[in-house]
């Protein structure tokens, strides 16, 4: 699969180095690439002895953070509530329980969105690519916007529907109708819960 297949677009490096005005905080591509190469993040997953089952885990190399979604020992598929743990780059952990029936994609944080999309995958309503991966790409778009504005947080409430609509609009403008339709499918998952 090429990079365009997951909704991201990366122009040729030679072009990007001439386009510094489009980069974060006015830095050029080479500086950003050097920083990314030195960044690290720990991917957290299963916790031995807890009885919880990790169903999705992500690490953000740029921020050094990690997030994991778990089914607890007392998980009830009829009333799905997931445990979500977030680690910052210093290893500090935040834990929250997410009842996916109460997630509002127009006003929820990253933990809630990741629990919601992990649930879609786990319940067989969508594939990994249709749900979890789309949430991760939407979060990357959100991160880029927040970093350029000088703020970034897992706990900030976000309108994920707006982010997906913006991505769909970009796909359409680029003439990527296949990508547009894939994002439209994800938007359908988000709109069903409203």
C-alpha atoms as a PDB file:
ATOM      1  CA  UNK A   1       0.000   0.000   0.000  1.00  0.00           C
ATOM      2  CA  UNK A   2       1.341   3.417  -0.801  1.00  0.00           C
ATOM      3  CA  UNK A   3       1.201   6.357   1.597  1.00  0.00           C
ATOM      4  CA  UNK A   4      -1.623   7.981  -0.366  1.00  0.00           C
ATOM      5  CA  UNK A   5      -3.682   4.861   0.384  1.00  0.00           C
ATOM      6  CA  UNK A   6      -4.039   5.876   4.018  1.00  0.00           C
ATOM      7  CA  UNK A   7      -5.020   9.435   3.319  1.00  0.00           C
ATOM      8  CA  UNK A   8      -1.683  11.162   3.781  1.00  0.00           C
ATOM      9  CA  UNK A   9       0.151  13.001   1.032  1.00  0.00           C
ATOM     10  CA  UNK A  10       3.900  13.475   0.993  1.00  0.00           C
ATOM     11  CA  UNK A  11       5.429  15.430  -1.872  1.00  0.00           C
ATOM     12  CA  UNK A  12       8.910  14.667  -3.118  1.00  0.00           C
ATOM     13  CA  UNK A  13      11.610  15.735  -0.649  1.00  0.00           C
ATOM     14  CA  UNK A  14      13.188  18.157  -3.131  1.00  0.00           C
ATOM     15  CA  UNK A  15       9.902  19.970  -3.507  1.00  0.00           C
ATOM     16  CA  UNK A  16       9.242  20.034   0.232  1.00  0.00           C
ATOM     17  CA  UNK A  17      12.574  21.654   1.090  1.00  0.00           C
ATOM     18  CA  UNK A  18      11.682  24.587  -1.167  1.00  0.00           C
ATOM     19  CA  UNK A  19       8.300  24.999   0.484  1.00  0.00           C
ATOM     20  CA  UNK A  20       9.338  26.010   4.006  1.00  0.00           C
ATOM     21  CA  UNK A  21       6.331  28.267   4.420  1.00  0.00           C
ATOM     22  CA  UNK A  22       4.127  25.169   4.629  1.00  0.00           C
ATOM     23  CA  UNK A  23       6.128  23.542   7.415  1.00  0.00           C
ATOM     24  CA  UNK A  24       5.521  23.712  11.140  1.00  0.00           C
ATOM     25  CA  UNK A  25       6.697  26.905  12.813  1.00  0.00           C
ATOM     26  CA  UNK A  26       8.590  28.034   9.687  1.00  0.00           C
ATOM     27  CA  UNK A  27      11.171  25.243   9.981  1.00  0.00           C
ATOM     28  CA  UNK A  28      12.370  23.472   6.890  1.00  0.00           C
ATOM     29  CA  UNK A  29      11.797  19.848   6.054  1.00  0.00           C
ATOM     30  CA  UNK A  30      15.364  18.763   6.885  1.00  0.00           C
ATOM     31  CA  UNK A  31      15.124  20.199  10.425  1.00  0.00           C
ATOM     32  CA  UNK A  32      11.787  18.501  11.011  1.00  0.00           C
ATOM     33  CA  UNK A  33      13.065  15.175   9.669  1.00  0.00           C
ATOM     34  CA  UNK A  34      16.124  15.359  11.930  1.00  0.00           C
ATOM     35  CA  UNK A  35      13.903  15.982  14.969  1.00  0.00           C
ATOM     36  CA  UNK A  36      11.597  13.101  14.035  1.00  0.00           C
ATOM     37  CA  UNK A  37      14.545  10.744  13.607  1.00  0.00           C
ATOM     38  CA  UNK A  38      15.669  11.480  17.181  1.00  0.00           C
ATOM     39  CA  UNK A  39      12.178  11.295  18.721  1.00  0.00           C
ATOM     40  CA  UNK A  40      11.158   8.191  20.634  1.00  0.00           C
ATOM     41  CA  UNK A  41       7.943   6.809  22.040  1.00  0.00           C
ATOM     42  CA  UNK A  42       7.099   3.675  23.961  1.00  0.00           C
ATOM     43  CA  UNK A  43       4.222   1.600  22.638  1.00  0.00           C
ATOM     44  CA  UNK A  44       2.297   0.286  25.628  1.00  0.00           C
ATOM     45  CA  UNK A  45       0.027  -2.710  25.272  1.00  0.00           C
ATOM     46  CA  UNK A  46      -0.841  -5.742  27.379  1.00  0.00           C
ATOM     47  CA  UNK A  47      -0.389  -5.450  31.114  1.00  0.00           C
ATOM     48  CA  UNK A  48       0.612  -8.764  32.632  1.00  0.00           C
ATOM     49  CA  UNK A  49      -1.514  -9.897  35.524  1.00  0.00           C
ATOM     50  CA  UNK A  50      -4.261  -7.302  35.018  1.00  0.00           C
ATOM     51  CA  UNK A  51      -6.597  -9.598  33.099  1.00  0.00           C
ATOM     52  CA  UNK A  52      -7.295  -6.761  30.677  1.00  0.00           C
ATOM     53  CA  UNK A  53      -6.910  -7.389  26.953  1.00  0.00           C
ATOM     54  CA  UNK A  54      -5.276  -4.706  24.813  1.00  0.00           C
ATOM     55  CA  UNK A  55      -7.316  -4.361  21.619  1.00  0.00           C
ATOM     56  CA  UNK A  56      -5.567  -1.291  20.171  1.00  0.00           C
ATOM     57  CA  UNK A  57      -2.371   0.589  20.929  1.00  0.00           C
ATOM     58  CA  UNK A  58      -0.730   3.608  19.309  1.00  0.00           C
ATOM     59  CA  UNK A  59       2.467   5.567  19.878  1.00  0.00           C
ATOM     60  CA  UNK A  60       3.014   9.149  18.730  1.00  0.00           C
ATOM     61  CA  UNK A  61       6.718   9.535  18.028  1.00  0.00           C
ATOM     62  CA  UNK A  62       6.497  13.312  17.673  1.00  0.00           C
ATOM     63  CA  UNK A  63       4.974  13.891  21.127  1.00  0.00           C
ATOM     64  CA  UNK A  64       6.494  10.784  22.744  1.00  0.00           C
ATOM     65  CA  UNK A  65       3.038   9.719  23.947  1.00  0.00           C
ATOM     66  CA  UNK A  66       1.190   6.418  23.763  1.00  0.00           C
ATOM     67  CA  UNK A  67      -2.441   5.339  24.108  1.00  0.00           C
ATOM     68  CA  UNK A  68      -3.996   1.879  24.535  1.00  0.00           C
ATOM     69  CA  UNK A  69      -7.592   0.636  24.595  1.00  0.00           C
ATOM     70  CA  UNK A  70      -8.438  -2.407  26.759  1.00  0.00           C
ATOM     71  CA  UNK A  71     -11.309  -4.786  27.301  1.00  0.00           C
ATOM     72  CA  UNK A  72     -11.486  -5.291  31.062  1.00  0.00           C
ATOM     73  CA  UNK A  73     -12.136  -8.645  32.750  1.00  0.00           C
ATOM     74  CA  UNK A  74     -15.768  -7.683  33.313  1.00  0.00           C
ATOM     75  CA  UNK A  75     -16.331  -6.416  29.744  1.00  0.00           C
ATOM     76  CA  UNK A  76     -19.963  -6.736  28.619  1.00  0.00           C
ATOM     77  CA  UNK A  77     -20.537  -6.664  24.842  1.00  0.00           C
ATOM     78  CA  UNK A  78     -24.135  -5.540  25.441  1.00  0.00           C
ATOM     79  CA  UNK A  79     -22.860  -2.471  27.345  1.00  0.00           C
ATOM     80  CA  UNK A  80     -19.351  -1.850  25.947  1.00  0.00           C
ATOM     81  CA  UNK A  81     -17.145   0.156  28.283  1.00  0.00           C
ATOM     82  CA  UNK A  82     -13.415   0.217  27.554  1.00  0.00           C
ATOM     83  CA  UNK A  83     -10.460   1.204  29.684  1.00  0.00           C
ATOM     84  CA  UNK A  84      -8.199   3.704  27.915  1.00  0.00           C
ATOM     85  CA  UNK A  85      -4.728   4.532  29.195  1.00  0.00           C
ATOM     86  CA  UNK A  86      -2.610   7.409  27.916  1.00  0.00           C
ATOM     87  CA  UNK A  87       1.100   7.845  28.630  1.00  0.00           C
ATOM     88  CA  UNK A  88       2.974  11.102  28.122  1.00  0.00           C
ATOM     89  CA  UNK A  89       6.644  11.232  27.090  1.00  0.00           C
ATOM     90  CA  UNK A  90       7.705  11.159  30.768  1.00  0.00           C
ATOM     91  CA  UNK A  91       5.760   7.953  31.395  1.00  0.00           C
ATOM     92  CA  UNK A  92       2.959   9.599  33.390  1.00  0.00           C
ATOM     93  CA  UNK A  93      -0.249   7.668  32.825  1.00  0.00           C
ATOM     94  CA  UNK A  94      -3.878   8.771  32.701  1.00  0.00           C
ATOM     95  CA  UNK A  95      -6.660   6.214  32.793  1.00  0.00           C
ATOM     96  CA  UNK A  96     -10.315   6.619  31.918  1.00  0.00           C
ATOM     97  CA  UNK A  97     -13.300   4.389  31.314  1.00  0.00           C
ATOM     98  CA  UNK A  98     -15.155   5.068  28.049  1.00  0.00           C
ATOM     99  CA  UNK A  99     -18.759   4.011  27.494  1.00  0.00           C
ATOM    100  CA  UNK A 100     -18.896   3.973  23.689  1.00  0.00           C
ATOM    101  CA  UNK A 101     -22.689   4.447  23.687  1.00  0.00           C
ATOM    102  CA  UNK A 102     -22.067   7.952  25.067  1.00  0.00           C
ATOM    103  CA  UNK A 103     -19.309   9.000  22.632  1.00  0.00           C
ATOM    104  CA  UNK A 104     -20.229  12.045  20.544  1.00  0.00           C
ATOM    105  CA  UNK A 105     -17.854  12.248  17.539  1.00  0.00           C
ATOM    106  CA  UNK A 106     -18.629  15.964  17.226  1.00  0.00           C
ATOM    107  CA  UNK A 107     -17.356  16.602  20.759  1.00  0.00           C
ATOM    108  CA  UNK A 108     -15.024  13.963  22.183  1.00  0.00           C
ATOM    109  CA  UNK A 109     -11.376  13.552  23.093  1.00  0.00           C
ATOM    110  CA  UNK A 110      -8.818  11.220  21.541  1.00  0.00           C
ATOM    111  CA  UNK A 111      -9.333   8.462  24.128  1.00  0.00           C
ATOM    112  CA  UNK A 112     -13.063   8.417  23.461  1.00  0.00           C
ATOM    113  CA  UNK A 113     -12.565   8.374  19.672  1.00  0.00           C
ATOM    114  CA  UNK A 114      -9.994   5.580  19.848  1.00  0.00           C
ATOM    115  CA  UNK A 115     -12.275   3.517  22.118  1.00  0.00           C
ATOM    116  CA  UNK A 116     -15.183   4.119  19.738  1.00  0.00           C
ATOM    117  CA  UNK A 117     -13.271   3.082  16.604  1.00  0.00           C
ATOM    118  CA  UNK A 118     -11.684   0.099  18.385  1.00  0.00           C
ATOM    119  CA  UNK A 119     -15.207  -0.976  19.322  1.00  0.00           C
ATOM    120  CA  UNK A 120     -16.346  -0.682  15.688  1.00  0.00           C
ATOM    121  CA  UNK A 121     -13.494  -3.003  14.701  1.00  0.00           C
ATOM    122  CA  UNK A 122     -14.023  -5.433  17.592  1.00  0.00           C
ATOM    123  CA  UNK A 123     -17.778  -5.684  16.973  1.00  0.00           C
ATOM    124  CA  UNK A 124     -17.201  -6.455  13.282  1.00  0.00           C
ATOM    125  CA  UNK A 125     -18.875  -3.264  12.029  1.00  0.00           C
ATOM    126  CA  UNK A 126     -15.749  -2.175  10.181  1.00  0.00           C
ATOM    127  CA  UNK A 127     -12.264  -3.356   9.339  1.00  0.00           C
ATOM    128  CA  UNK A 128      -9.096  -2.023  10.945  1.00  0.00           C
ATOM    129  CA  UNK A 129      -8.513   0.163   7.872  1.00  0.00           C
ATOM    130  CA  UNK A 130     -12.093   1.485   7.904  1.00  0.00           C
ATOM    131  CA  UNK A 131     -12.109   2.444  11.585  1.00  0.00           C
ATOM    132  CA  UNK A 132      -8.983   2.434  13.746  1.00  0.00           C
ATOM    133  CA  UNK A 133      -6.569   3.486  11.009  1.00  0.00           C
ATOM    134  CA  UNK A 134      -8.873   6.301   9.872  1.00  0.00           C
ATOM    135  CA  UNK A 135      -9.046   7.603  13.464  1.00  0.00           C
ATOM    136  CA  UNK A 136      -5.240   7.561  13.681  1.00  0.00           C
ATOM    137  CA  UNK A 137      -4.899   9.527  10.423  1.00  0.00           C
ATOM    138  CA  UNK A 138      -7.593  11.997  11.528  1.00  0.00           C
ATOM    139  CA  UNK A 139      -5.672  12.434  14.787  1.00  0.00           C
ATOM    140  CA  UNK A 140      -2.479  13.131  12.842  1.00  0.00           C
ATOM    141  CA  UNK A 141      -4.316  15.883  10.959  1.00  0.00           C
ATOM    142  CA  UNK A 142      -5.661  17.235  14.260  1.00  0.00           C
ATOM    143  CA  UNK A 143      -2.163  17.113  15.794  1.00  0.00           C
ATOM    144  CA  UNK A 144      -0.657  19.078  12.915  1.00  0.00           C
ATOM    145  CA  UNK A 145      -3.316  21.757  13.267  1.00  0.00           C
ATOM    146  CA  UNK A 146      -2.912  21.983  17.044  1.00  0.00           C
ATOM    147  CA  UNK A 147       0.884  22.055  16.957  1.00  0.00           C
ATOM    148  CA  UNK A 148       0.871  24.903  14.462  1.00  0.00           C
ATOM    149  CA  UNK A 149      -1.485  26.759  16.820  1.00  0.00           C
ATOM    150  CA  UNK A 150       0.856  26.073  19.753  1.00  0.00           C
ATOM    151  CA  UNK A 151      -1.327  23.622  21.688  1.00  0.00           C
ATOM    152  CA  UNK A 152      -1.788  19.856  21.758  1.00  0.00           C
ATOM    153  CA  UNK A 153      -3.597  17.521  24.125  1.00  0.00           C
ATOM    154  CA  UNK A 154      -5.144  14.038  24.215  1.00  0.00           C
ATOM    155  CA  UNK A 155      -7.881  15.381  26.498  1.00  0.00           C
ATOM    156  CA  UNK A 156      -9.020  18.262  24.297  1.00  0.00           C
ATOM    157  CA  UNK A 157     -12.546  17.787  22.956  1.00  0.00           C
ATOM    158  CA  UNK A 158     -12.592  17.797  19.173  1.00  0.00           C
ATOM    159  CA  UNK A 159     -15.141  17.749  16.369  1.00  0.00           C
ATOM    160  CA  UNK A 160     -13.948  14.598  14.571  1.00  0.00           C
ATOM    161  CA  UNK A 161     -16.758  14.892  12.024  1.00  0.00           C
ATOM    162  CA  UNK A 162     -15.379  18.270  10.921  1.00  0.00           C
ATOM    163  CA  UNK A 163     -11.848  16.830  10.635  1.00  0.00           C
ATOM    164  CA  UNK A 164     -13.123  13.968   8.475  1.00  0.00           C
ATOM    165  CA  UNK A 165     -15.152  16.370   6.308  1.00  0.00           C
ATOM    166  CA  UNK A 166     -12.013  18.489   5.818  1.00  0.00           C
ATOM    167  CA  UNK A 167     -10.001  15.399   4.820  1.00  0.00           C
ATOM    168  CA  UNK A 168     -12.758  14.341   2.413  1.00  0.00           C
ATOM    169  CA  UNK A 169     -12.740  17.798   0.854  1.00  0.00           C
ATOM    170  CA  UNK A 170      -8.955  17.591   0.381  1.00  0.00           C
ATOM    171  CA  UNK A 171      -9.202  14.127  -1.185  1.00  0.00           C
ATOM    172  CA  UNK A 172     -11.839  15.423  -3.584  1.00  0.00           C
ATOM    173  CA  UNK A 173      -9.766  18.488  -4.499  1.00  0.00           C
ATOM    174  CA  UNK A 174      -6.744  16.256  -5.201  1.00  0.00           C
ATOM    175  CA  UNK A 175      -8.903  14.118  -7.473  1.00  0.00           C
ATOM    176  CA  UNK A 176      -8.558  11.055  -5.220  1.00  0.00           C
ATOM    177  CA  UNK A 177     -12.123   9.787  -5.479  1.00  0.00           C
ATOM    178  CA  UNK A 178     -11.213   6.392  -4.015  1.00  0.00           C
ATOM    179  CA  UNK A 179      -9.767   8.116  -0.943  1.00  0.00           C
ATOM    180  CA  UNK A 180     -12.805  10.389  -0.789  1.00  0.00           C
ATOM    181  CA  UNK A 181     -15.154   7.369  -0.727  1.00  0.00           C
ATOM    182  CA  UNK A 182     -13.067   5.621   1.960  1.00  0.00           C
ATOM    183  CA  UNK A 183     -13.333   8.699   4.191  1.00  0.00           C
ATOM    184  CA  UNK A 184     -17.043   8.978   3.409  1.00  0.00           C
ATOM    185  CA  UNK A 185     -17.463   5.424   4.718  1.00  0.00           C
ATOM    186  CA  UNK A 186     -15.685   6.420   7.953  1.00  0.00           C
ATOM    187  CA  UNK A 187     -17.892   9.515   8.204  1.00  0.00           C
ATOM    188  CA  UNK A 188     -20.900   7.186   8.009  1.00  0.00           C
ATOM    189  CA  UNK A 189     -19.608   5.345  11.096  1.00  0.00           C
ATOM    190  CA  UNK A 190     -19.309   8.641  12.966  1.00  0.00           C
ATOM    191  CA  UNK A 191     -22.725   9.917  11.947  1.00  0.00           C
ATOM    192  CA  UNK A 192     -24.518   6.669  12.890  1.00  0.00           C
ATOM    193  CA  UNK A 193     -23.873   7.236  16.558  1.00  0.00           C
ATOM    194  CA  UNK A 194     -25.545  10.689  16.617  1.00  0.00           C
END
